[in-house]
All heavy atoms as atom14 arrays in JSON, in Angstrom:
{
  "sequence": "AAMVAWGMYIGSRRELIATLRLRAETAEAEQSLRVSQARETERRR",
  "atom14_mask": [
    [1, 1, 1, 1, 1, 0, 0, 0, 0, 0, 0, 0, 0, 0],
    [1, 1, 1, 1, 1, 0, 0, 0, 0, 0, 0, 0, 0, 0],
    [1, 1, 1, 1, 1, 1, 1, 1, 0, 0, 0, 0, 0, 0],
    [1, 1, 1, 1, 1, 1, 1, 0, 0, 0, 0, 0, 0, 0],
    [1, 1, 1, 1, 1, 0, 0, 0, 0, 0, 0, 0, 0, 0],
    [1, 1, 1, 1, 1, 1, 1, 1, 1, 1, 1, 1, 1, 1],
    [1, 1, 1, 1, 0, 0, 0, 0, 0, 0, 0, 0, 0, 0],
    [1, 1, 1, 1, 1, 1, 1, 1, 0, 0, 0, 0, 0, 0],
    [1, 1, 1, 1, 1, 1, 1, 1, 1, 1, 1, 1, 0, 0],
    [1, 1, 1, 1, 1, 1, 1, 1, 0, 0, 0, 0, 0, 0],
    [1, 1, 1, 1, 0, 0, 0, 0, 0, 0, 0, 0, 0, 0],
    [1, 1, 1, 1, 1, 1, 0, 0, 0, 0, 0, 0, 0, 0],
    [1, 1, 1, 1, 1, 1, 1, 1, 1, 1, 1, 0, 0, 0],
    [1, 1, 1, 1, 1, 1, 1, 1, 1, 1, 1, 0, 0, 0],
    [1, 1, 1, 1, 1, 1, 1, 1, 1, 0, 0, 0, 0, 0],
    [1, 1, 1, 1, 1, 1, 1, 1, 0, 0, 0, 0, 0, 0],
    [1, 1, 1, 1, 1, 1, 1, 1, 0, 0, 0, 0, 0, 0],
    [1, 1, 1, 1, 1, 0, 0, 0, 0, 0, 0, 0, 0, 0],
    [1, 1, 1, 1, 1, 1, 1, 0, 0, 0, 0, 0, 0, 0],
    [1, 1, 1, 1, 1, 1, 1, 1, 0, 0, 0, 0, 0, 0],
    [1, 1, 1, 1, 1, 1, 1, 1, 1, 1, 1, 0, 0, 0],
    [1, 1, 1, 1, 1, 1, 1, 1, 0, 0, 0, 0, 0, 0],
    [1, 1, 1, 1, 1, 1, 1, 1, 1, 1, 1, 0, 0, 0],
    [1, 1, 1, 1, 1, 0, 0, 0, 0, 0, 0, 0, 0, 0],
    [1, 1, 1, 1, 1, 1, 1, 1, 1, 0, 0, 0, 0, 0],
    [1, 1, 1, 1, 1, 1, 1, 0, 0, 0, 0, 0, 0, 0],
    [1, 1, 1, 1, 1, 0, 0, 0, 0, 0, 0, 0, 0, 0],
    [1, 1, 1, 1, 1, 1, 1, 1, 1, 0, 0, 0, 0, 0],
    [1, 1, 1, 1, 1, 0, 0, 0, 0, 0, 0, 0, 0, 0],
    [1, 1, 1, 1, 1, 1, 1, 1, 1, 0, 0, 0, 0, 0],
    [1, 1, 1, 1, 1, 1, 1, 1, 1, 0, 0, 0, 0, 0],
    [1, 1, 1, 1, 1, 1, 0, 0, 0, 0, 0, 0, 0, 0],
    [1, 1, 1, 1, 1, 1, 1, 1, 0, 0, 0, 0, 0, 0],
    [1, 1, 1, 1, 1, 1, 1, 1, 1, 1, 1, 0, 0, 0],
    [1, 1, 1, 1, 1, 1, 1, 0, 0, 0, 0, 0, 0, 0],
    [1, 1, 1, 1, 1, 1, 0, 0, 0, 0, 0, 0, 0, 0],
    [1, 1, 1, 1, 1, 1, 1, 1, 1, 0, 0, 0, 0, 0],
    [1, 1, 1, 1, 1, 0, 0, 0, 0, 0, 0, 0, 0, 0],
    [1, 1, 1, 1, 1, 1, 1, 1, 1, 1, 1, 0, 0, 0],
    [1, 1, 1, 1, 1, 1, 1, 1, 1, 0, 0, 0, 0, 0],
    [1, 1, 1, 1, 1, 1, 1, 0, 0, 0, 0, 0, 0, 0],
    [1, 1, 1, 1, 1, 1, 1, 1, 1, 0, 0, 0, 0, 0],
    [1, 1, 1, 1, 1, 1, 1, 1, 1, 1, 1, 0, 0, 0],
    [1, 1, 1, 1, 1, 1, 1, 1, 1, 1, 1, 0, 0, 0],
    [1, 1, 1, 1, 1, 1, 1, 1, 1, 1, 1, 0, 0, 0]
  ],
  "atom14_positions": [
    [[0.83, -1.27, -0.01], [0.04, 0.06, 0.08], [0.87, 1.24, -0.01], [0.56, 2.25, -0.58], [-0.89, -0.12, 1.23], [0.0, 0.0, 0.0], [0.0, 0.0, 0.0], [0.0, 0.0, 0.0], [0.0, 0.0, 0.0], [0.0, 0.0, 0.0], [0.0, 0.0, 0.0], [0.0, 0.0, 0.0], [0.0, 0.0, 0.0], [0.0, 0.0, 0.0]],
    [[1.95, 1.16, 0.81], [2.85, 2.37, 0.7], [3.49, 2.54, -0.53], [3.55, 3.69, -1.08], [3.95, 2.24, 1.85], [0.0, 0.0, 0.0], [0.0, 0.0, 0.0], [0.0, 0.0, 0.0], [0.0, 0.0, 0.0], [0.0, 0.0, 0.0], [0.0, 0.0, 0.0], [0.0, 0.0, 0.0], [0.0, 0.0, 0.0], [0.0, 0.0, 0.0]],
    [[3.88, 1.49, -1.22], [4.53, 1.75, -2.47], [3.47, 2.22, -3.62], [3.79, 2.98, -4.5], [5.14, 0.45, -3.06], [6.3, -0.03, -2.23], [7.19, -1.47, -3.08], [6.06, -2.71, -2.79], [0.0, 0.0, 0.0], [0.0, 0.0, 0.0], [0.0, 0.0, 0.0], [0.0, 0.0, 0.0], [0.0, 0.0, 0.0], [0.0, 0.0, 0.0]],
    [[2.24, 1.69, -3.58], [1.13, 2.23, -4.39], [0.88, 3.61, -4.21], [0.75, 4.42, -5.12], [-0.03, 1.35, -4.33], [-1.18, 1.86, -5.0], [0.22, -0.09, -4.83], [0.0, 0.0, 0.0], [0.0, 0.0, 0.0], [0.0, 0.0, 0.0], [0.0, 0.0, 0.0], [0.0, 0.0, 0.0], [0.0, 0.0, 0.0], [0.0, 0.0, 0.0]],
    [[0.83, 4.04, -2.87], [0.45, 5.42, -2.53], [1.61, 6.42, -3.07], [1.36, 7.45, -3.57], [0.24, 5.56, -1.03], [0.0, 0.0, 0.0], [0.0, 0.0, 0.0], [0.0, 0.0, 0.0], [0.0, 0.0, 0.0], [0.0, 0.0, 0.0], [0.0, 0.0, 0.0], [0.0, 0.0, 0.0], [0.0, 0.0, 0.0], [0.0, 0.0, 0.0]],
    [[2.85, 5.96, -2.93], [4.01, 6.66, -3.37], [4.0, 6.95, -4.86], [4.17, 7.89, -5.43], [5.29, 6.05, -2.94], [6.5, 6.78, -3.3], [7.49, 6.45, -4.23], [6.89, 8.07, -2.91], [8.46, 7.36, -4.41], [8.19, 8.5, -3.57], [6.33, 9.07, -2.05], [8.77, 9.59, -3.51], [7.01, 10.29, -1.86], [8.2, 10.57, -2.56]],
    [[3.68, 5.81, -5.67], [3.58, 5.79, -7.03], [2.46, 6.67, -7.59], [2.66, 7.56, -8.42], [0.0, 0.0, 0.0], [0.0, 0.0, 0.0], [0.0, 0.0, 0.0], [0.0, 0.0, 0.0], [0.0, 0.0, 0.0], [0.0, 0.0, 0.0], [0.0, 0.0, 0.0], [0.0, 0.0, 0.0], [0.0, 0.0, 0.0], [0.0, 0.0, 0.0]],
    [[1.3, 6.72, -6.89], [0.18, 7.43, -7.21], [0.44, 8.98, -6.99], [0.05, 9.84, -7.77], [-1.01, 6.99, -6.5], [-1.57, 5.69, -6.83], [-3.24, 5.29, -6.26], [-4.18, 6.42, -7.05], [0.0, 0.0, 0.0], [0.0, 0.0, 0.0], [0.0, 0.0, 0.0], [0.0, 0.0, 0.0], [0.0, 0.0, 0.0], [0.0, 0.0, 0.0]],
    [[1.21, 9.35, -5.83], [1.56, 10.66, -5.6], [2.58, 11.15, -6.6], [2.34, 12.37, -7.14], [2.2, 10.72, -4.17], [2.76, 11.97, -3.96], [2.1, 13.22, -3.62], [4.2, 12.23, -4.04], [2.73, 14.29, -3.41], [4.98, 13.41, -3.74], [4.06, 14.52, -3.37], [4.66, 15.78, -3.17], [0.0, 0.0, 0.0], [0.0, 0.0, 0.0]],
    [[3.48, 10.4, -7.09], [4.44, 10.82, -8.12], [3.71, 11.01, -9.45], [3.86, 11.99, -10.14], [5.5, 9.73, -8.27], [6.33, 9.68, -7.0], [6.4, 10.03, -9.55], [7.4, 8.55, -7.1], [0.0, 0.0, 0.0], [0.0, 0.0, 0.0], [0.0, 0.0, 0.0], [0.0, 0.0, 0.0], [0.0, 0.0, 0.0], [0.0, 0.0, 0.0]],
    [[2.73, 10.09, -9.68], [1.92, 10.32, -10.92], [1.02, 11.55, -10.9], [0.84, 12.19, -11.95], [0.0, 0.0, 0.0], [0.0, 0.0, 0.0], [0.0, 0.0, 0.0], [0.0, 0.0, 0.0], [0.0, 0.0, 0.0], [0.0, 0.0, 0.0], [0.0, 0.0, 0.0], [0.0, 0.0, 0.0], [0.0, 0.0, 0.0], [0.0, 0.0, 0.0]],
    [[0.45, 11.84, -9.69], [-0.35, 13.02, -9.59], [0.44, 14.2, -9.92], [0.04, 15.28, -10.52], [-1.14, 13.14, -8.3], [-0.18, 13.16, -7.24], [0.0, 0.0, 0.0], [0.0, 0.0, 0.0], [0.0, 0.0, 0.0], [0.0, 0.0, 0.0], [0.0, 0.0, 0.0], [0.0, 0.0, 0.0], [0.0, 0.0, 0.0], [0.0, 0.0, 0.0]],
    [[1.65, 14.26, -9.2], [2.61, 15.51, -9.51], [2.91, 15.56, -10.93], [2.94, 16.67, -11.51], [3.77, 15.19, -8.63], [3.67, 15.27, -7.23], [3.89, 16.65, -6.67], [5.1, 17.27, -7.0], [5.35, 18.51, -6.77], [4.56, 19.27, -6.18], [6.57, 18.92, -7.14], [0.0, 0.0, 0.0], [0.0, 0.0, 0.0], [0.0, 0.0, 0.0]],
    [[3.3, 14.49, -11.55], [3.59, 14.54, -13.07], [2.51, 14.96, -13.88], [2.64, 15.78, -14.83], [4.03, 13.26, -13.48], [5.36, 12.78, -12.95], [5.65, 11.3, -13.33], [6.93, 10.92, -12.92], [7.38, 9.57, -13.13], [6.78, 8.76, -13.7], [8.66, 9.29, -12.64], [0.0, 0.0, 0.0], [0.0, 0.0, 0.0], [0.0, 0.0, 0.0]],
    [[1.37, 14.61, -13.53], [0.08, 15.01, -14.33], [-0.23, 16.45, -14.05], [-0.59, 17.25, -15.07], [-1.08, 14.2, -13.81], [-2.42, 14.52, -14.54], [-3.58, 13.7, -14.16], [-3.53, 12.92, -13.22], [-4.68, 13.9, -14.77], [0.0, 0.0, 0.0], [0.0, 0.0, 0.0], [0.0, 0.0, 0.0], [0.0, 0.0, 0.0], [0.0, 0.0, 0.0]],
    [[0.02, 16.93, -12.87], [-0.23, 18.4, -12.51], [0.77, 19.14, -13.34], [0.31, 20.14, -14.14], [-0.02, 18.67, -11.07], [-0.13, 20.06, -10.68], [-1.53, 20.73, -10.98], [0.13, 20.22, -9.13], [0.0, 0.0, 0.0], [0.0, 0.0, 0.0], [0.0, 0.0, 0.0], [0.0, 0.0, 0.0], [0.0, 0.0, 0.0], [0.0, 0.0, 0.0]],
    [[1.93, 18.75, -13.44], [2.93, 19.6, -14.09], [2.72, 19.6, -15.75], [2.7, 20.51, -16.39], [4.38, 19.07, -13.8], [4.74, 19.2, -12.43], [5.38, 19.75, -14.82], [6.03, 18.59, -11.99], [0.0, 0.0, 0.0], [0.0, 0.0, 0.0], [0.0, 0.0, 0.0], [0.0, 0.0, 0.0], [0.0, 0.0, 0.0], [0.0, 0.0, 0.0]],
    [[2.35, 18.34, -16.2], [1.92, 18.32, -17.53], [0.81, 19.06, -17.82], [0.68, 19.71, -19.02], [1.71, 16.76, -17.97], [0.0, 0.0, 0.0], [0.0, 0.0, 0.0], [0.0, 0.0, 0.0], [0.0, 0.0, 0.0], [0.0, 0.0, 0.0], [0.0, 0.0, 0.0], [0.0, 0.0, 0.0], [0.0, 0.0, 0.0], [0.0, 0.0, 0.0]],
    [[-0.38, 19.1, -17.12], [-1.48, 19.93, -17.34], [-1.15, 21.43, -17.24], [-1.58, 22.02, -18.05], [-2.55, 19.6, -16.12], [-2.84, 18.18, -16.2], [-3.87, 20.32, -16.5], [0.0, 0.0, 0.0], [0.0, 0.0, 0.0], [0.0, 0.0, 0.0], [0.0, 0.0, 0.0], [0.0, 0.0, 0.0], [0.0, 0.0, 0.0], [0.0, 0.0, 0.0]],
    [[-0.28, 21.86, -16.3], [0.01, 23.23, -16.21], [0.8, 23.64, -17.54], [0.57, 24.63, -18.0], [0.88, 23.62, -14.97], [0.14, 23.36, -13.61], [1.08, 23.66, -12.47], [-1.0, 24.36, -13.62], [0.0, 0.0, 0.0], [0.0, 0.0, 0.0], [0.0, 0.0, 0.0], [0.0, 0.0, 0.0], [0.0, 0.0, 0.0], [0.0, 0.0, 0.0]],
    [[1.71, 22.73, -17.96], [2.57, 22.99, -19.15], [1.49, 23.18, -20.41], [1.79, 23.94, -21.19], [3.53, 21.83, -19.4], [4.52, 22.14, -20.46], [5.49, 21.08, -20.8], [6.36, 20.93, -19.67], [6.51, 20.0, -18.79], [5.53, 18.95, -18.87], [7.35, 19.9, -17.84], [0.0, 0.0, 0.0], [0.0, 0.0, 0.0], [0.0, 0.0, 0.0]],
    [[0.65, 22.15, -20.52], [-0.29, 22.25, -21.61], [-1.19, 23.49, -21.62], [-1.4, 24.06, -22.59], [-1.21, 20.98, -21.41], [-2.18, 20.78, -22.53], [-1.59, 20.67, -24.05], [-3.17, 19.49, -22.41], [0.0, 0.0, 0.0], [0.0, 0.0, 0.0], [0.0, 0.0, 0.0], [0.0, 0.0, 0.0], [0.0, 0.0, 0.0], [0.0, 0.0, 0.0]],
    [[-1.68, 23.86, -20.31], [-2.41, 25.23, -20.31], [-1.43, 26.34, -20.71], [-1.94, 27.32, -21.36], [-2.87, 25.31, -18.86], [-4.05, 24.23, -18.53], [-4.49, 24.59, -17.08], [-5.66, 23.66, -16.71], [-6.12, 23.57, -15.55], [-5.75, 24.39, -14.57], [-7.13, 22.76, -15.29], [0.0, 0.0, 0.0], [0.0, 0.0, 0.0], [0.0, 0.0, 0.0]],
    [[-0.32, 26.33, -20.33], [0.61, 27.46, -20.67], [0.87, 27.45, -22.16], [0.71, 28.65, -22.69], [1.91, 27.31, -19.91], [0.0, 0.0, 0.0], [0.0, 0.0, 0.0], [0.0, 0.0, 0.0], [0.0, 0.0, 0.0], [0.0, 0.0, 0.0], [0.0, 0.0, 0.0], [0.0, 0.0, 0.0], [0.0, 0.0, 0.0], [0.0, 0.0, 0.0]],
    [[1.05, 26.39, -22.65], [1.13, 26.29, -24.22], [-0.03, 26.67, -24.96], [-0.02, 27.45, -25.95], [1.69, 24.91, -24.53], [3.05, 24.4, -24.15], [3.38, 23.07, -24.53], [2.45, 22.32, -24.95], [4.5, 22.53, -24.28], [0.0, 0.0, 0.0], [0.0, 0.0, 0.0], [0.0, 0.0, 0.0], [0.0, 0.0, 0.0], [0.0, 0.0, 0.0]],
    [[-1.12, 26.28, -24.42], [-2.46, 26.72, -25.0], [-2.73, 28.15, -24.96], [-3.14, 28.81, -25.88], [-3.63, 25.87, -24.35], [-3.39, 24.54, -24.49], [-4.91, 26.33, -25.06], [0.0, 0.0, 0.0], [0.0, 0.0, 0.0], [0.0, 0.0, 0.0], [0.0, 0.0, 0.0], [0.0, 0.0, 0.0], [0.0, 0.0, 0.0], [0.0, 0.0, 0.0]],
    [[-2.46, 28.65, -23.63], [-2.57, 30.24, -23.49], [-1.65, 30.95, -24.38], [-1.96, 32.09, -24.99], [-2.29, 30.55, -22.06], [0.0, 0.0, 0.0], [0.0, 0.0, 0.0], [0.0, 0.0, 0.0], [0.0, 0.0, 0.0], [0.0, 0.0, 0.0], [0.0, 0.0, 0.0], [0.0, 0.0, 0.0], [0.0, 0.0, 0.0], [0.0, 0.0, 0.0]],
    [[-0.33, 30.53, -24.63], [0.62, 31.04, -25.36], [0.21, 31.13, -26.84], [0.2, 32.16, -27.6], [1.99, 30.38, -25.26], [3.02, 31.14, -25.88], [4.51, 30.45, -25.73], [4.51, 29.59, -24.94], [5.42, 30.86, -26.38], [0.0, 0.0, 0.0], [0.0, 0.0, 0.0], [0.0, 0.0, 0.0], [0.0, 0.0, 0.0], [0.0, 0.0, 0.0]],
    [[-0.4, 29.86, -27.29], [-0.87, 29.87, -28.71], [-1.95, 30.84, -28.89], [-2.15, 31.47, -29.9], [-1.26, 28.4, -29.0], [0.0, 0.0, 0.0], [0.0, 0.0, 0.0], [0.0, 0.0, 0.0], [0.0, 0.0, 0.0], [0.0, 0.0, 0.0], [0.0, 0.0, 0.0], [0.0, 0.0, 0.0], [0.0, 0.0, 0.0], [0.0, 0.0, 0.0]],
    [[-2.95, 30.89, -27.84], [-4.17, 31.68, -28.03], [-3.7, 33.25, -28.05], [-4.22, 34.05, -28.82], [-5.15, 31.48, -26.83], [-5.81, 30.09, -27.04], [-6.7, 29.81, -25.79], [-6.75, 30.65, -24.79], [-7.47, 28.82, -25.82], [0.0, 0.0, 0.0], [0.0, 0.0, 0.0], [0.0, 0.0, 0.0], [0.0, 0.0, 0.0], [0.0, 0.0, 0.0]],
    [[-2.74, 33.51, -27.11], [-2.25, 34.84, -27.17], [-1.52, 35.17, -28.53], [-1.72, 36.36, -28.97], [-1.18, 35.04, -25.93], [-0.5, 36.5, -25.97], [-1.53, 37.61, -25.72], [-2.6, 37.25, -25.21], [-1.14, 38.73, -25.86], [0.0, 0.0, 0.0], [0.0, 0.0, 0.0], [0.0, 0.0, 0.0], [0.0, 0.0, 0.0], [0.0, 0.0, 0.0]],
    [[-0.77, 34.23, -29.04], [-0.28, 34.5, -30.33], [-1.16, 34.71, -31.44], [-1.13, 35.64, -32.26], [0.83, 33.37, -30.61], [1.28, 33.63, -32.01], [0.0, 0.0, 0.0], [0.0, 0.0, 0.0], [0.0, 0.0, 0.0], [0.0, 0.0, 0.0], [0.0, 0.0, 0.0], [0.0, 0.0, 0.0], [0.0, 0.0, 0.0], [0.0, 0.0, 0.0]],
    [[-2.37, 34.0, -31.41], [-3.37, 34.02, -32.36], [-4.11, 35.52, -32.25], [-4.37, 36.18, -33.14], [-4.39, 32.95, -32.13], [-5.55, 32.98, -33.11], [-5.11, 32.85, -34.59], [-6.54, 31.88, -32.79], [0.0, 0.0, 0.0], [0.0, 0.0, 0.0], [0.0, 0.0, 0.0], [0.0, 0.0, 0.0], [0.0, 0.0, 0.0], [0.0, 0.0, 0.0]],
    [[-4.34, 35.83, -30.95], [-4.94, 37.23, -30.73], [-4.1, 38.31, -31.22], [-4.54, 39.24, -31.83], [-5.3, 37.39, -29.3], [-6.43, 36.6, -28.83], [-6.93, 37.02, -27.38], [-5.91, 36.81, -26.45], [-5.9, 35.61, -25.62], [-6.88, 34.81, -25.85], [-4.91, 35.56, -24.67], [0.0, 0.0, 0.0], [0.0, 0.0, 0.0], [0.0, 0.0, 0.0]],
    [[-2.86, 38.27, -30.92], [-1.8, 39.12, -31.52], [-1.93, 39.23, -33.06], [-1.84, 40.33, -33.64], [-0.41, 38.93, -31.01], [0.55, 39.93, -31.55], [-0.36, 39.14, -29.47], [0.0, 0.0, 0.0], [0.0, 0.0, 0.0], [0.0, 0.0, 0.0], [0.0, 0.0, 0.0], [0.0, 0.0, 0.0], [0.0, 0.0, 0.0], [0.0, 0.0, 0.0]],
    [[-1.76, 38.02, -33.66], [-1.88, 37.99, -35.1], [-3.21, 38.65, -35.66], [-3.11, 39.36, -36.73], [-1.71, 36.62, -35.57], [-0.52, 36.07, -35.25], [0.0, 0.0, 0.0], [0.0, 0.0, 0.0], [0.0, 0.0, 0.0], [0.0, 0.0, 0.0], [0.0, 0.0, 0.0], [0.0, 0.0, 0.0], [0.0, 0.0, 0.0], [0.0, 0.0, 0.0]],
    [[-4.32, 38.25, -34.99], [-5.54, 38.84, -35.39], [-5.6, 40.4, -35.33], [-6.12, 40.93, -36.09], [-6.7, 38.21, -34.8], [-6.96, 36.73, -35.05], [-7.93, 36.04, -34.19], [-8.39, 36.54, -33.21], [-8.5, 34.98, -34.63], [0.0, 0.0, 0.0], [0.0, 0.0, 0.0], [0.0, 0.0, 0.0], [0.0, 0.0, 0.0], [0.0, 0.0, 0.0]],
    [[-5.01, 40.93, -34.19], [-5.02, 42.3, -33.89], [-4.2, 42.98, -34.92], [-4.52, 44.02, -35.53], [-4.51, 42.5, -32.53], [0.0, 0.0, 0.0], [0.0, 0.0, 0.0], [0.0, 0.0, 0.0], [0.0, 0.0, 0.0], [0.0, 0.0, 0.0], [0.0, 0.0, 0.0], [0.0, 0.0, 0.0], [0.0, 0.0, 0.0], [0.0, 0.0, 0.0]],
    [[-3.01, 42.29, -35.3], [-2.08, 43.06, -36.33], [-2.73, 42.94, -37.65], [-2.74, 43.98, -38.48], [-0.84, 42.14, -36.31], [0.14, 42.43, -35.21], [1.24, 41.54, -35.38], [2.17, 41.68, -34.19], [3.3, 40.96, -34.02], [3.48, 39.99, -34.81], [4.08, 41.26, -32.98], [0.0, 0.0, 0.0], [0.0, 0.0, 0.0], [0.0, 0.0, 0.0]],
    [[-3.43, 41.87, -37.95], [-4.09, 41.81, -39.24], [-5.31, 42.78, -39.42], [-5.46, 43.52, -40.28], [-4.63, 40.44, -39.52], [-5.43, 40.17, -40.86], [-4.4, 40.28, -42.0], [-3.25, 40.21, -41.78], [-4.89, 40.52, -43.12], [0.0, 0.0, 0.0], [0.0, 0.0, 0.0], [0.0, 0.0, 0.0], [0.0, 0.0, 0.0], [0.0, 0.0, 0.0]],
    [[-6.08, 42.82, -38.29], [-7.22, 43.92, -38.35], [-6.61, 45.43, -38.39], [-7.04, 46.17, -39.13], [-7.91, 43.91, -36.93], [-8.53, 42.47, -36.95], [-8.95, 44.8, -36.84], [0.0, 0.0, 0.0], [0.0, 0.0, 0.0], [0.0, 0.0, 0.0], [0.0, 0.0, 0.0], [0.0, 0.0, 0.0], [0.0, 0.0, 0.0], [0.0, 0.0, 0.0]],
    [[-5.42, 45.58, -37.75], [-4.95, 47.03, -37.79], [-4.33, 47.23, -39.22], [-4.43, 48.31, -39.67], [-3.78, 46.94, -36.74], [-3.15, 48.53, -36.76], [-4.26, 49.6, -36.22], [-5.25, 49.19, -35.78], [-3.9, 50.77, -36.68], [0.0, 0.0, 0.0], [0.0, 0.0, 0.0], [0.0, 0.0, 0.0], [0.0, 0.0, 0.0], [0.0, 0.0, 0.0]],
    [[-3.76, 46.18, -39.77], [-3.14, 46.38, -41.17], [-4.22, 46.76, -42.14], [-4.1, 47.58, -43.06], [-2.33, 45.24, -41.48], [-0.95, 45.2, -40.79], [-0.19, 43.98, -41.17], [1.04, 43.97, -40.39], [2.07, 44.57, -40.7], [2.15, 45.32, -41.73], [3.3, 44.57, -39.94], [0.0, 0.0, 0.0], [0.0, 0.0, 0.0], [0.0, 0.0, 0.0]],
    [[-5.33, 45.95, -42.03], [-6.4, 46.22, -42.84], [-7.02, 47.62, -42.76], [-7.53, 48.27, -43.6], [-7.66, 45.24, -42.53], [-7.24, 43.74, -43.13], [-8.24, 42.81, -42.84], [-7.95, 41.5, -43.32], [-8.83, 40.38, -43.28], [-9.94, 40.54, -42.63], [-8.43, 39.28, -43.65], [0.0, 0.0, 0.0], [0.0, 0.0, 0.0], [0.0, 0.0, 0.0]],
    [[-7.05, 47.98, -41.38], [-7.55, 49.4, -41.12], [-6.59, 50.52, -41.82], [-7.18, 51.46, -42.37], [-7.6, 49.73, -39.63], [-8.33, 51.05, -39.26], [-8.21, 51.3, -37.85], [-6.85, 51.73, -37.58], [-6.38, 52.82, -37.73], [-7.19, 53.81, -38.25], [-5.1, 53.18, -37.5], [0.0, 0.0, 0.0], [0.0, 0.0, 0.0], [0.0, 0.0, 0.0]]
  ]
}
């Protein structure tokens, strides 16, 4: 039980880090898209 609990704790930490990294990458991609759209809108104007 101790080994299983330790392994699940490690897995939860890894999953949390992977989720935060995925969210950061998604937010960065969305920010880049918004910047591109703003630039395109401004250039058209």
